[in-house]
N, C-alpha and C. Protein backbone atom coordinates (compact mmCIF):
# COMPACT_ATOMS: atom_id res chain seq x y z
N MET A 1 -19.73 9.81 -14.79
CA MET A 1 -18.93 10.27 -13.50
C MET A 1 -18.40 9.17 -12.88
N LYS A 2 -17.18 9.13 -12.48
CA LYS A 2 -16.39 8.05 -11.73
C LYS A 2 -16.45 8.19 -10.04
N THR A 3 -16.95 7.29 -9.44
CA THR A 3 -16.75 7.60 -8.10
C THR A 3 -15.59 7.06 -7.49
N ILE A 4 -15.43 7.55 -6.53
CA ILE A 4 -13.98 7.54 -5.61
C ILE A 4 -14.07 7.38 -4.18
N THR A 5 -13.35 6.25 -3.46
CA THR A 5 -13.21 6.40 -1.99
C THR A 5 -12.02 6.53 -1.61
N ILE A 6 -11.88 7.38 -0.78
CA ILE A 6 -10.21 7.64 -0.30
C ILE A 6 -9.96 7.20 1.15
N ALA A 7 -8.70 6.49 1.39
CA ALA A 7 -8.42 5.99 2.40
C ALA A 7 -7.04 6.53 2.86
N ASP A 8 -6.97 7.26 4.00
CA ASP A 8 -5.75 7.87 4.49
C ASP A 8 -5.96 8.14 6.15
N ASP A 9 -4.80 8.27 6.82
CA ASP A 9 -5.16 8.36 8.32
C ASP A 9 -4.99 10.04 8.72
N HIS A 10 -4.35 10.55 7.40
CA HIS A 10 -4.34 12.01 7.74
C HIS A 10 -5.70 12.88 7.30
N ALA A 11 -6.34 13.59 7.94
CA ALA A 11 -7.50 14.24 7.61
C ALA A 11 -7.20 15.15 6.38
N ILE A 12 -5.95 16.03 6.64
CA ILE A 12 -5.90 17.36 5.52
C ILE A 12 -5.28 16.36 4.05
N VAL A 13 -5.16 15.03 4.14
CA VAL A 13 -4.96 14.23 2.95
C VAL A 13 -6.14 14.16 2.28
N ARG A 14 -7.22 13.52 3.21
CA ARG A 14 -8.67 12.92 2.91
C ARG A 14 -9.20 14.47 2.42
N ASP A 15 -9.33 15.32 3.18
CA ASP A 15 -9.84 16.72 2.54
C ASP A 15 -9.09 17.24 1.75
N GLY A 16 -8.02 17.07 1.18
CA GLY A 16 -7.45 17.98 0.06
C GLY A 16 -7.76 17.43 -1.07
N LEU A 17 -7.65 16.12 -1.10
CA LEU A 17 -8.07 15.26 -2.10
C LEU A 17 -9.28 15.54 -2.50
N THR A 18 -10.04 15.38 -1.54
CA THR A 18 -11.54 15.45 -2.01
C THR A 18 -11.99 16.93 -2.11
N ASN A 19 -11.48 17.90 -2.02
CA ASN A 19 -11.69 19.41 -2.25
C ASN A 19 -11.03 19.63 -3.68
N PHE A 20 -9.91 19.08 -4.03
CA PHE A 20 -9.24 18.97 -5.24
C PHE A 20 -9.98 18.40 -6.53
N LEU A 21 -10.76 17.05 -6.25
CA LEU A 21 -11.35 16.33 -7.11
C LEU A 21 -12.60 16.92 -7.21
N SER A 22 -13.35 17.46 -6.06
CA SER A 22 -14.45 18.27 -6.47
C SER A 22 -14.50 19.35 -7.51
N MET A 23 -13.43 19.55 -8.04
CA MET A 23 -13.18 20.65 -8.87
C MET A 23 -13.34 20.05 -10.26
N HIS A 24 -13.36 18.87 -10.23
CA HIS A 24 -13.49 18.07 -11.50
C HIS A 24 -14.75 17.16 -11.81
N LYS A 25 -15.57 17.79 -12.45
CA LYS A 25 -17.07 17.15 -12.42
C LYS A 25 -17.01 15.55 -12.85
N GLN A 26 -16.19 15.01 -13.71
CA GLN A 26 -15.86 13.80 -13.68
C GLN A 26 -15.81 12.65 -12.32
N TYR A 27 -15.41 13.38 -11.47
CA TYR A 27 -15.38 12.52 -10.53
C TYR A 27 -15.99 12.70 -9.25
N GLN A 28 -16.22 12.00 -8.37
CA GLN A 28 -17.28 12.31 -7.15
C GLN A 28 -16.76 11.21 -6.05
N VAL A 29 -15.96 12.06 -5.03
CA VAL A 29 -15.84 11.16 -3.61
C VAL A 29 -17.02 10.66 -2.88
N ILE A 30 -17.33 9.78 -3.04
CA ILE A 30 -18.37 9.29 -2.17
C ILE A 30 -18.16 8.87 -0.81
N ALA A 31 -16.90 8.58 -0.37
CA ALA A 31 -16.44 8.34 1.02
C ALA A 31 -15.01 8.56 1.17
N SER A 32 -14.52 8.91 2.33
CA SER A 32 -13.37 8.88 2.92
C SER A 32 -13.35 8.32 4.34
N VAL A 33 -12.50 7.47 4.31
CA VAL A 33 -12.14 6.67 6.01
C VAL A 33 -10.61 6.52 6.09
N ASP A 34 -10.42 6.63 7.56
CA ASP A 34 -9.00 6.75 8.22
C ASP A 34 -8.27 5.39 8.49
N SER A 35 -8.82 4.06 8.00
CA SER A 35 -7.95 3.02 8.05
C SER A 35 -8.53 1.98 6.87
N ALA A 36 -7.65 0.92 6.89
CA ALA A 36 -7.93 -0.27 5.72
C ALA A 36 -9.10 -0.84 6.42
N GLU A 37 -9.32 -1.12 7.67
CA GLU A 37 -10.84 -1.63 8.20
C GLU A 37 -12.01 -0.80 7.66
N GLY A 38 -11.83 0.59 7.92
CA GLY A 38 -12.98 1.34 7.44
C GLY A 38 -13.13 1.35 5.93
N LEU A 39 -12.10 1.25 5.24
CA LEU A 39 -12.01 0.93 3.55
C LEU A 39 -13.03 -0.30 3.30
N LEU A 40 -12.45 -1.33 3.96
CA LEU A 40 -13.44 -2.55 3.75
C LEU A 40 -14.67 -2.69 3.99
N LYS A 41 -14.98 -1.93 4.94
CA LYS A 41 -16.46 -1.58 5.54
C LYS A 41 -17.32 -0.77 4.44
N GLN A 42 -16.55 0.27 4.17
CA GLN A 42 -17.12 1.16 3.05
C GLN A 42 -17.24 0.34 1.73
N CYS A 43 -16.49 -0.49 1.32
CA CYS A 43 -16.51 -1.35 -0.09
C CYS A 43 -17.54 -2.20 0.06
N GLN A 44 -17.77 -2.59 1.10
CA GLN A 44 -18.87 -3.80 1.70
C GLN A 44 -20.27 -2.88 1.52
N LYS A 45 -20.26 -1.72 1.92
CA LYS A 45 -21.41 -0.67 1.58
C LYS A 45 -21.57 -0.53 0.38
N GLU A 46 -20.61 0.09 -0.53
CA GLU A 46 -21.01 0.77 -1.55
C GLU A 46 -19.18 0.67 -2.19
N LEU A 47 -19.13 -0.04 -3.54
CA LEU A 47 -17.24 -0.43 -4.04
C LEU A 47 -17.67 0.92 -5.01
N ALA A 48 -16.76 1.62 -4.62
CA ALA A 48 -16.43 3.10 -5.91
C ALA A 48 -15.69 2.39 -6.97
N ASP A 49 -15.99 2.97 -8.11
CA ASP A 49 -15.30 2.71 -9.34
C ASP A 49 -13.84 3.09 -9.23
N ILE A 50 -13.09 3.71 -8.13
CA ILE A 50 -11.71 3.94 -7.72
C ILE A 50 -11.44 4.05 -6.33
N VAL A 51 -10.45 3.09 -5.75
CA VAL A 51 -10.17 3.27 -4.31
C VAL A 51 -8.60 4.05 -4.36
N ILE A 52 -8.72 5.03 -3.70
CA ILE A 52 -7.18 5.68 -3.37
C ILE A 52 -6.87 5.64 -2.08
N THR A 53 -5.71 4.94 -1.79
CA THR A 53 -5.27 4.45 -0.22
C THR A 53 -3.77 4.55 -0.12
N ASP A 54 -3.76 4.99 1.12
CA ASP A 54 -2.28 5.34 1.53
C ASP A 54 -1.98 3.89 2.05
N LEU A 55 -0.61 3.61 2.34
CA LEU A 55 -0.11 2.40 3.00
C LEU A 55 -0.08 2.54 4.72
N SER A 56 0.53 3.77 4.90
CA SER A 56 0.62 3.78 6.55
C SER A 56 -0.56 4.26 7.28
N MET A 57 -1.32 3.26 7.79
CA MET A 57 -2.36 3.61 8.57
C MET A 57 -2.78 2.82 9.58
N PRO A 58 -3.53 2.99 10.68
CA PRO A 58 -3.44 2.39 11.89
C PRO A 58 -4.28 1.14 11.83
N GLY A 59 -4.04 0.00 12.51
CA GLY A 59 -4.63 -1.36 12.31
C GLY A 59 -4.21 -2.49 11.68
N MET A 60 -4.72 -2.78 10.59
CA MET A 60 -4.25 -3.98 9.69
C MET A 60 -3.07 -3.19 8.76
N GLY A 61 -3.41 -2.15 8.24
CA GLY A 61 -2.38 -1.28 7.42
C GLY A 61 -2.61 -1.42 6.21
N GLY A 62 -2.02 -0.62 4.87
CA GLY A 62 -2.56 -0.55 3.83
C GLY A 62 -2.44 -1.99 2.83
N ILE A 63 -1.36 -2.42 2.99
CA ILE A 63 -0.98 -3.69 2.15
C ILE A 63 -1.95 -4.76 2.55
N GLU A 64 -2.41 -5.12 3.61
CA GLU A 64 -3.00 -6.12 4.18
C GLU A 64 -4.72 -5.65 3.46
N GLY A 65 -4.67 -4.60 3.60
CA GLY A 65 -6.12 -4.05 3.38
C GLY A 65 -6.30 -4.19 1.94
N ILE A 66 -5.09 -3.71 0.90
CA ILE A 66 -5.41 -4.20 -0.33
C ILE A 66 -5.62 -5.54 -0.61
N ARG A 67 -4.57 -6.32 -0.27
CA ARG A 67 -4.78 -8.00 -0.15
C ARG A 67 -6.14 -8.25 0.01
N ARG A 68 -6.83 -7.95 1.15
CA ARG A 68 -8.26 -8.54 1.29
C ARG A 68 -9.31 -7.96 0.57
N LEU A 69 -8.99 -6.56 -0.26
CA LEU A 69 -9.86 -5.99 -0.90
C LEU A 69 -9.89 -6.58 -2.26
N LYS A 70 -8.71 -6.87 -2.68
CA LYS A 70 -8.52 -8.02 -3.85
C LYS A 70 -9.03 -9.06 -3.99
N VAL A 71 -9.03 -9.78 -2.76
CA VAL A 71 -9.55 -10.88 -2.59
C VAL A 71 -11.01 -11.21 -2.67
N LYS A 72 -11.78 -9.92 -2.07
CA LYS A 72 -13.04 -9.89 -2.11
C LYS A 72 -13.66 -9.27 -3.42
N TRP A 73 -12.89 -8.22 -4.19
CA TRP A 73 -13.54 -7.68 -5.00
C TRP A 73 -12.18 -7.55 -6.08
N PRO A 74 -11.80 -8.89 -6.84
CA PRO A 74 -10.89 -8.92 -7.87
C PRO A 74 -10.89 -7.53 -8.68
N LYS A 75 -12.08 -7.20 -9.02
CA LYS A 75 -12.11 -5.96 -10.19
C LYS A 75 -11.53 -4.60 -9.74
N ALA A 76 -11.96 -4.41 -8.54
CA ALA A 76 -11.31 -3.13 -7.87
C ALA A 76 -10.40 -2.55 -8.21
N LYS A 77 -10.58 -1.39 -8.64
CA LYS A 77 -9.52 -0.49 -9.00
C LYS A 77 -8.79 0.30 -7.96
N ILE A 78 -7.53 0.01 -7.78
CA ILE A 78 -6.72 0.54 -6.71
C ILE A 78 -5.78 1.80 -6.77
N ILE A 79 -5.61 2.59 -6.31
CA ILE A 79 -4.58 3.53 -6.82
C ILE A 79 -3.89 4.01 -5.00
N VAL A 80 -2.45 3.51 -5.36
CA VAL A 80 -1.83 3.63 -3.89
C VAL A 80 -1.14 5.05 -3.89
N PHE A 81 -1.47 5.88 -2.75
CA PHE A 81 -1.13 7.24 -2.77
C PHE A 81 -0.23 7.29 -1.64
N SER A 82 1.18 7.17 -1.73
CA SER A 82 1.78 7.11 -0.59
C SER A 82 3.27 7.96 -1.16
N ILE A 83 3.86 8.41 0.31
CA ILE A 83 5.34 9.14 0.34
C ILE A 83 6.28 7.99 -0.08
N SER A 84 6.19 6.78 0.26
CA SER A 84 7.12 5.70 -0.04
C SER A 84 7.51 5.74 -1.35
N GLN A 85 9.01 5.49 -1.80
CA GLN A 85 9.63 5.56 -2.90
C GLN A 85 10.51 4.12 -3.06
N ASN A 86 10.21 3.05 -2.31
CA ASN A 86 10.55 1.75 -2.49
C ASN A 86 10.32 1.01 -3.47
N SER A 87 11.48 0.69 -4.55
CA SER A 87 10.65 0.10 -5.93
C SER A 87 10.46 -1.50 -5.47
N CYS A 88 11.01 -1.99 -4.26
CA CYS A 88 10.47 -3.16 -3.88
C CYS A 88 8.76 -3.24 -3.43
N LEU A 89 8.67 -2.21 -2.72
CA LEU A 89 7.28 -2.16 -2.21
C LEU A 89 6.56 -2.06 -3.43
N VAL A 90 6.69 -1.27 -4.30
CA VAL A 90 5.95 -0.92 -5.56
C VAL A 90 5.68 -2.16 -6.60
N LYS A 91 6.62 -2.70 -6.44
CA LYS A 91 6.54 -4.23 -7.18
C LYS A 91 5.67 -5.15 -6.71
N ARG A 92 5.76 -5.29 -4.85
CA ARG A 92 4.72 -6.10 -4.38
C ARG A 92 3.33 -5.74 -4.47
N LEU A 93 3.22 -4.55 -4.67
CA LEU A 93 1.68 -3.80 -4.55
C LEU A 93 1.21 -4.29 -6.25
N LEU A 94 2.11 -4.15 -7.20
CA LEU A 94 1.95 -4.36 -8.38
C LEU A 94 1.56 -5.74 -8.35
N ASP A 95 2.12 -6.77 -7.77
CA ASP A 95 1.86 -8.35 -7.68
C ASP A 95 0.43 -8.42 -7.15
N LEU A 96 0.35 -7.60 -6.16
CA LEU A 96 -1.06 -7.79 -5.52
C LEU A 96 -2.34 -7.28 -6.21
N GLY A 97 -1.96 -6.70 -7.43
CA GLY A 97 -2.99 -6.22 -8.23
C GLY A 97 -3.38 -4.83 -8.27
N ILE A 98 -2.55 -4.03 -7.80
CA ILE A 98 -3.05 -2.60 -7.72
C ILE A 98 -2.99 -2.05 -9.39
N GLU A 99 -3.55 -0.90 -9.49
CA GLU A 99 -3.91 -0.38 -11.04
C GLU A 99 -2.60 0.74 -11.04
N ALA A 100 -2.29 1.41 -9.96
CA ALA A 100 -1.46 2.40 -10.10
C ALA A 100 -0.78 2.81 -8.35
N TYR A 101 0.51 3.24 -8.63
CA TYR A 101 1.26 3.89 -7.62
C TYR A 101 1.70 5.48 -7.88
N ILE A 102 1.07 6.32 -6.99
CA ILE A 102 1.27 7.66 -7.23
C ILE A 102 1.88 8.10 -5.74
N SER A 103 3.25 8.90 -6.13
CA SER A 103 3.72 9.68 -4.99
C SER A 103 3.24 10.75 -4.41
N LYS A 104 3.13 10.95 -3.48
CA LYS A 104 2.68 11.92 -2.41
C LYS A 104 3.24 13.37 -2.70
N SER A 105 4.80 13.04 -3.39
CA SER A 105 5.36 14.29 -3.49
C SER A 105 5.22 14.89 -5.15
N CYS A 106 4.10 14.34 -5.94
CA CYS A 106 4.01 14.57 -6.97
C CYS A 106 3.02 15.81 -7.38
N GLU A 107 3.11 16.47 -8.66
CA GLU A 107 2.28 17.46 -8.82
C GLU A 107 0.50 17.09 -8.89
N THR A 108 -0.24 18.01 -8.83
CA THR A 108 -1.49 17.49 -9.10
C THR A 108 -2.15 16.85 -10.41
N SER A 109 -1.18 17.73 -11.34
CA SER A 109 -1.98 16.98 -12.74
C SER A 109 -1.36 15.63 -12.93
N VAL A 110 -0.42 15.08 -11.97
CA VAL A 110 -0.23 13.68 -12.15
C VAL A 110 -1.25 13.17 -11.62
N ILE A 111 -1.93 13.43 -10.21
CA ILE A 111 -2.86 12.58 -9.71
C ILE A 111 -3.93 12.63 -10.68
N LEU A 112 -4.22 13.80 -11.52
CA LEU A 112 -5.15 13.50 -12.48
C LEU A 112 -5.04 12.71 -13.54
N ASN A 113 -3.97 12.58 -14.25
CA ASN A 113 -3.50 11.86 -14.92
C ASN A 113 -3.44 10.06 -14.71
N GLY A 114 -3.29 9.80 -13.35
CA GLY A 114 -3.31 8.54 -13.16
C GLY A 114 -4.66 7.96 -12.67
N ILE A 115 -5.59 8.79 -12.01
CA ILE A 115 -7.01 8.42 -12.12
C ILE A 115 -7.53 8.49 -13.69
N SER A 116 -7.15 9.24 -14.36
CA SER A 116 -7.78 8.96 -15.75
C SER A 116 -7.53 7.71 -16.52
N THR A 117 -6.03 7.36 -16.33
CA THR A 117 -5.53 6.18 -17.00
C THR A 117 -6.12 4.90 -16.36
N VAL A 118 -6.17 4.96 -14.99
CA VAL A 118 -6.79 3.92 -14.42
C VAL A 118 -8.21 3.85 -14.56
N SER A 119 -8.92 4.76 -14.87
CA SER A 119 -10.57 4.58 -15.51
C SER A 119 -10.64 4.10 -16.91
N GLN A 120 -9.36 4.47 -17.34
CA GLN A 120 -9.43 3.68 -18.85
C GLN A 120 -9.14 2.07 -18.86
N GLY A 121 -8.76 1.41 -17.75
CA GLY A 121 -8.49 0.18 -17.71
C GLY A 121 -7.16 -0.03 -17.76
N LYS A 122 -5.84 1.05 -17.68
CA LYS A 122 -4.71 0.86 -17.54
C LYS A 122 -3.81 1.05 -16.42
N LYS A 123 -2.61 0.41 -16.39
CA LYS A 123 -1.84 0.85 -15.46
C LYS A 123 -1.07 2.05 -15.33
N PHE A 124 -0.94 2.73 -14.06
CA PHE A 124 -0.31 3.92 -14.01
C PHE A 124 1.10 4.14 -12.86
N ILE A 125 2.00 4.33 -13.29
CA ILE A 125 3.34 4.85 -11.80
C ILE A 125 3.46 6.33 -12.07
N SER A 126 3.86 6.95 -11.17
CA SER A 126 3.97 8.44 -11.29
C SER A 126 5.59 8.28 -11.93
N PRO A 127 5.85 9.45 -12.43
CA PRO A 127 7.04 9.47 -13.24
C PRO A 127 8.26 9.51 -12.18
N ASP A 128 8.20 9.98 -11.29
CA ASP A 128 9.33 9.85 -10.23
C ASP A 128 9.65 8.50 -9.79
N ILE A 129 8.56 7.80 -9.46
CA ILE A 129 8.59 6.27 -9.12
C ILE A 129 8.68 5.32 -10.26
N ASP A 130 8.37 5.79 -11.54
CA ASP A 130 8.56 4.86 -12.56
C ASP A 130 10.01 4.87 -12.98
N LEU A 131 10.74 6.25 -12.65
CA LEU A 131 12.19 6.28 -13.12
C LEU A 131 12.99 5.21 -12.01
N LEU A 132 12.70 5.46 -10.66
CA LEU A 132 13.20 4.73 -9.84
C LEU A 132 12.92 3.18 -9.76
N PHE A 133 11.84 2.75 -10.53
CA PHE A 133 11.21 1.41 -10.60
C PHE A 133 12.17 0.92 -11.75
N ASN A 134 12.34 1.62 -12.65
CA ASN A 134 13.03 0.64 -13.92
C ASN A 134 14.64 0.58 -13.71
N HIS A 135 14.92 1.60 -12.88
CA HIS A 135 16.74 1.34 -12.61
C HIS A 135 17.04 1.14 -11.34
N SER A 136 16.07 0.30 -10.83
CA SER A 136 16.56 -0.31 -9.34
C SER A 136 17.07 -1.89 -9.87
N GLN A 137 17.98 -2.03 -8.74
CA GLN A 137 18.56 -3.46 -9.03
C GLN A 137 17.61 -4.76 -8.24
N PRO A 138 17.55 -5.68 -8.65
CA PRO A 138 16.99 -6.61 -8.02
C PRO A 138 17.38 -6.88 -6.59
N SER A 139 16.23 -7.06 -5.78
CA SER A 139 16.39 -6.96 -4.00
C SER A 139 15.93 -8.35 -3.78
N GLN A 140 16.72 -8.67 -2.57
CA GLN A 140 16.37 -9.93 -1.88
C GLN A 140 15.01 -9.99 -1.31
N LEU A 141 14.44 -8.68 -1.15
CA LEU A 141 13.19 -9.12 -0.48
C LEU A 141 12.09 -9.47 -1.55
N GLN A 142 12.68 -9.57 -2.89
CA GLN A 142 11.51 -10.44 -3.74
C GLN A 142 11.39 -11.86 -3.68
N LYS A 143 12.19 -12.22 -2.94
CA LYS A 143 11.78 -13.67 -2.49
C LYS A 143 10.90 -13.76 -1.50
N LEU A 144 10.21 -12.92 -0.90
CA LEU A 144 9.12 -12.81 0.26
C LEU A 144 7.77 -12.91 -0.46
N THR A 145 6.77 -13.69 0.22
CA THR A 145 5.37 -13.64 -0.25
C THR A 145 5.03 -12.13 0.09
N ALA A 146 3.66 -11.93 -0.47
CA ALA A 146 3.32 -10.57 0.15
C ALA A 146 2.89 -10.41 1.57
N ARG A 147 2.28 -11.69 2.21
CA ARG A 147 2.16 -11.74 3.60
C ARG A 147 3.61 -11.49 4.39
N GLU A 148 4.64 -12.11 3.90
CA GLU A 148 5.96 -12.37 4.39
C GLU A 148 6.35 -10.91 4.60
N PHE A 149 6.48 -10.21 3.46
CA PHE A 149 6.89 -8.98 2.96
C PHE A 149 6.30 -7.73 4.31
N ASP A 150 4.76 -8.35 4.37
CA ASP A 150 4.06 -7.16 5.42
C ASP A 150 4.73 -7.28 6.78
N ILE A 151 4.90 -8.68 6.98
CA ILE A 151 5.42 -8.95 8.53
C ILE A 151 6.69 -8.41 8.52
N PHE A 152 7.65 -8.50 7.66
CA PHE A 152 9.17 -7.79 7.53
C PHE A 152 8.97 -6.48 7.80
N CYS A 153 8.12 -5.80 6.98
CA CYS A 153 8.02 -4.50 7.28
C CYS A 153 7.68 -4.00 8.56
N ALA A 154 6.54 -4.88 9.41
CA ALA A 154 5.71 -4.39 10.69
C ALA A 154 7.00 -4.73 11.75
N ILE A 155 7.77 -5.84 11.44
CA ILE A 155 9.00 -6.41 12.53
C ILE A 155 10.16 -5.15 12.57
N THR A 156 10.45 -5.07 11.40
CA THR A 156 11.57 -3.88 11.14
C THR A 156 11.14 -2.61 11.63
N ASP A 157 9.72 -2.50 11.69
CA ASP A 157 9.25 -1.10 12.21
C ASP A 157 9.29 -0.99 13.76
N GLY A 158 9.56 -2.17 14.55
CA GLY A 158 9.43 -2.38 15.83
C GLY A 158 8.63 -2.91 16.28
N LYS A 159 7.44 -3.42 15.58
CA LYS A 159 6.32 -4.01 16.42
C LYS A 159 6.69 -5.36 16.68
N THR A 160 6.20 -6.06 17.79
CA THR A 160 6.38 -7.14 18.33
C THR A 160 5.45 -8.41 17.53
N ILE A 161 5.65 -9.88 17.70
CA ILE A 161 4.90 -10.36 17.21
C ILE A 161 3.66 -10.79 17.57
N LYS A 162 3.18 -9.98 18.76
CA LYS A 162 1.57 -10.03 19.27
C LYS A 162 1.06 -8.89 18.64
N GLN A 163 1.81 -7.93 18.69
CA GLN A 163 1.10 -6.47 17.79
C GLN A 163 1.22 -6.59 16.29
N VAL A 164 2.07 -7.51 15.77
CA VAL A 164 1.66 -7.82 14.22
C VAL A 164 0.62 -8.84 14.01
N ALA A 165 0.48 -9.80 14.86
CA ALA A 165 -0.60 -10.82 15.01
C ALA A 165 -2.00 -10.10 15.01
N GLU A 166 -1.97 -8.85 16.05
CA GLU A 166 -3.20 -8.21 16.09
C GLU A 166 -3.37 -7.17 14.80
N LYS A 167 -2.38 -6.72 14.33
CA LYS A 167 -2.39 -5.77 13.19
C LYS A 167 -3.07 -6.59 12.02
N LEU A 168 -2.71 -7.70 11.76
CA LEU A 168 -2.73 -8.51 10.45
C LEU A 168 -4.03 -9.84 10.72
N PHE A 169 -4.80 -9.48 11.91
CA PHE A 169 -5.77 -10.52 12.43
C PHE A 169 -5.33 -11.62 12.29
N LEU A 170 -4.10 -12.53 12.80
CA LEU A 170 -3.59 -13.70 12.49
C LEU A 170 -3.05 -14.07 14.10
N SER A 171 -2.89 -15.65 13.93
CA SER A 171 -2.55 -15.66 15.35
C SER A 171 -0.90 -15.75 15.60
N GLU A 172 -0.40 -15.51 16.81
CA GLU A 172 1.23 -14.93 16.95
C GLU A 172 1.53 -16.32 16.39
N LYS A 173 1.27 -17.60 16.39
CA LYS A 173 2.09 -18.83 15.90
C LYS A 173 2.33 -18.62 14.42
N THR A 174 1.17 -18.04 13.80
CA THR A 174 1.33 -18.01 12.23
C THR A 174 2.32 -16.77 11.67
N ILE A 175 2.25 -15.64 12.67
CA ILE A 175 3.38 -14.90 12.72
C ILE A 175 4.59 -15.42 12.67
N ALA A 176 5.03 -15.93 13.79
CA ALA A 176 6.15 -16.45 14.27
C ALA A 176 6.68 -17.64 13.07
N ASN A 177 6.07 -18.41 12.69
CA ASN A 177 6.09 -19.39 11.76
C ASN A 177 6.60 -18.60 10.30
N ASN A 178 5.80 -17.74 9.92
CA ASN A 178 6.08 -16.48 8.78
C ASN A 178 7.21 -16.01 8.78
N LEU A 179 7.68 -15.47 10.06
CA LEU A 179 8.78 -14.79 10.38
C LEU A 179 10.08 -15.94 10.40
N SER A 180 9.80 -16.92 10.61
CA SER A 180 11.15 -17.86 10.58
C SER A 180 11.52 -18.13 9.07
N LEU A 181 10.02 -18.49 8.33
CA LEU A 181 10.45 -18.66 6.67
C LEU A 181 10.84 -17.45 6.17
N LEU A 182 10.74 -16.37 6.51
CA LEU A 182 11.14 -15.08 5.82
C LEU A 182 12.73 -14.97 6.08
N LYS A 183 12.95 -15.22 7.24
CA LYS A 183 14.56 -15.18 7.88
C LYS A 183 15.45 -16.34 7.27
N LYS A 184 14.76 -17.14 6.86
CA LYS A 184 15.61 -18.24 5.98
C LYS A 184 15.53 -17.96 4.76
N LYS A 185 14.55 -17.17 4.03
CA LYS A 185 14.59 -16.84 2.72
C LYS A 185 15.64 -15.94 2.48
N LEU A 186 15.86 -14.90 3.51
CA LEU A 186 16.89 -13.85 3.37
C LEU A 186 18.12 -14.06 4.17
N GLU A 187 18.39 -15.37 4.45
CA GLU A 187 19.63 -15.90 4.98
C GLU A 187 20.28 -15.02 6.19
N VAL A 188 19.24 -14.69 6.80
CA VAL A 188 19.78 -14.11 8.23
C VAL A 188 18.95 -14.68 9.72
N SER A 189 19.57 -14.51 10.70
CA SER A 189 19.25 -15.33 11.85
C SER A 189 18.72 -14.16 13.04
N ASN A 190 18.85 -13.02 12.79
CA ASN A 190 18.44 -12.30 14.04
C ASN A 190 17.75 -10.97 13.48
N TYR A 191 17.04 -10.07 14.59
CA TYR A 191 16.52 -8.95 14.10
C TYR A 191 17.58 -7.80 13.52
N SER A 192 18.62 -7.88 14.07
CA SER A 192 19.76 -6.65 13.55
C SER A 192 20.02 -6.76 12.26
N GLU A 193 20.03 -8.27 11.74
CA GLU A 193 20.37 -8.24 10.10
C GLU A 193 19.03 -7.86 9.21
N LEU A 194 17.87 -8.31 9.80
CA LEU A 194 16.43 -7.99 9.21
C LEU A 194 16.54 -6.26 9.23
N ILE A 195 16.52 -5.58 10.17
CA ILE A 195 16.80 -4.08 10.10
C ILE A 195 17.56 -3.73 9.13
N HIS A 196 19.04 -4.33 8.89
CA HIS A 196 20.11 -3.86 8.03
C HIS A 196 19.54 -3.79 6.63
N ILE A 197 18.84 -5.01 6.41
CA ILE A 197 18.35 -5.45 5.13
C ILE A 197 17.32 -4.24 4.73
N ALA A 198 16.29 -3.81 5.89
CA ALA A 198 15.36 -2.88 5.72
C ALA A 198 15.81 -1.46 5.49
N ILE A 199 17.02 -1.18 6.20
CA ILE A 199 17.58 0.09 5.77
C ILE A 199 17.98 0.32 4.53
N ALA A 200 18.65 -0.69 3.78
CA ALA A 200 19.38 -0.80 2.71
C ALA A 200 18.37 -0.72 1.68
N ALA A 201 17.28 -1.10 2.04
CA ALA A 201 16.09 -1.15 0.85
C ALA A 201 15.25 0.12 0.95
N GLY A 202 15.53 1.13 2.18
CA GLY A 202 15.04 1.91 2.21
C GLY A 202 13.54 2.00 2.74
N ILE A 203 13.47 0.88 3.49
CA ILE A 203 11.77 0.68 4.15
C ILE A 203 11.70 1.37 5.25
N LEU A 204 12.83 1.32 5.97
CA LEU A 204 12.95 2.38 7.50
C LEU A 204 12.54 3.65 7.22
N VAL A 205 12.96 4.22 6.14
CA VAL A 205 12.73 6.01 5.88
C VAL A 205 11.52 6.30 5.16
N THR A 206 10.64 5.36 4.98
CA THR A 206 9.67 5.59 4.09
C THR A 206 8.55 5.81 4.91
N ASP A 207 7.16 6.10 4.30
CA ASP A 207 5.98 6.34 5.34
C ASP A 207 5.10 4.98 5.39
N TYR A 208 5.87 4.05 5.11
CA TYR A 208 5.23 2.62 5.30
C TYR A 208 4.62 2.49 6.65
């Protein structure tokens, strides 16, 4: 039996997944939390065989939570379950070491297939994301580090430097320095240009 921890800020998603997986005896949901901070605390208490997490959650957010989880537990098996279909985001998460990316618009059979594949030590991307992933053009956002990408997403989502610093548990100076670096990499000089890039990449219309 494989143990599973679910992280999503929507109770209907947590309960839905828990009830669905309870119908399959090979899986046991041992915990469900509503934030990345809660996920890290739960993993400290008991690391499940598989972690299923959303990206858009209050606090530090899913991306930073995944990064910290992988730093502390490199062998942790992580499945991202998100509405976002941005190929650059998927690539960034794969770089962080996630095992699977499953779209929330997929059929329940895809969820089971993904969990089964990850249980076997393999990577998995849901078919709708895989099609987009394999046919997408190179993005300038690929120039960014994982932290810079997280800051980019937060800033273009309307958060201030202070809010981003609180979200990522970093100093405002560190956020400002990273923001300057990512603007140079993207060859932009103001926020409107950052927003234009985010819109073109589909970042602003996702559930990030």
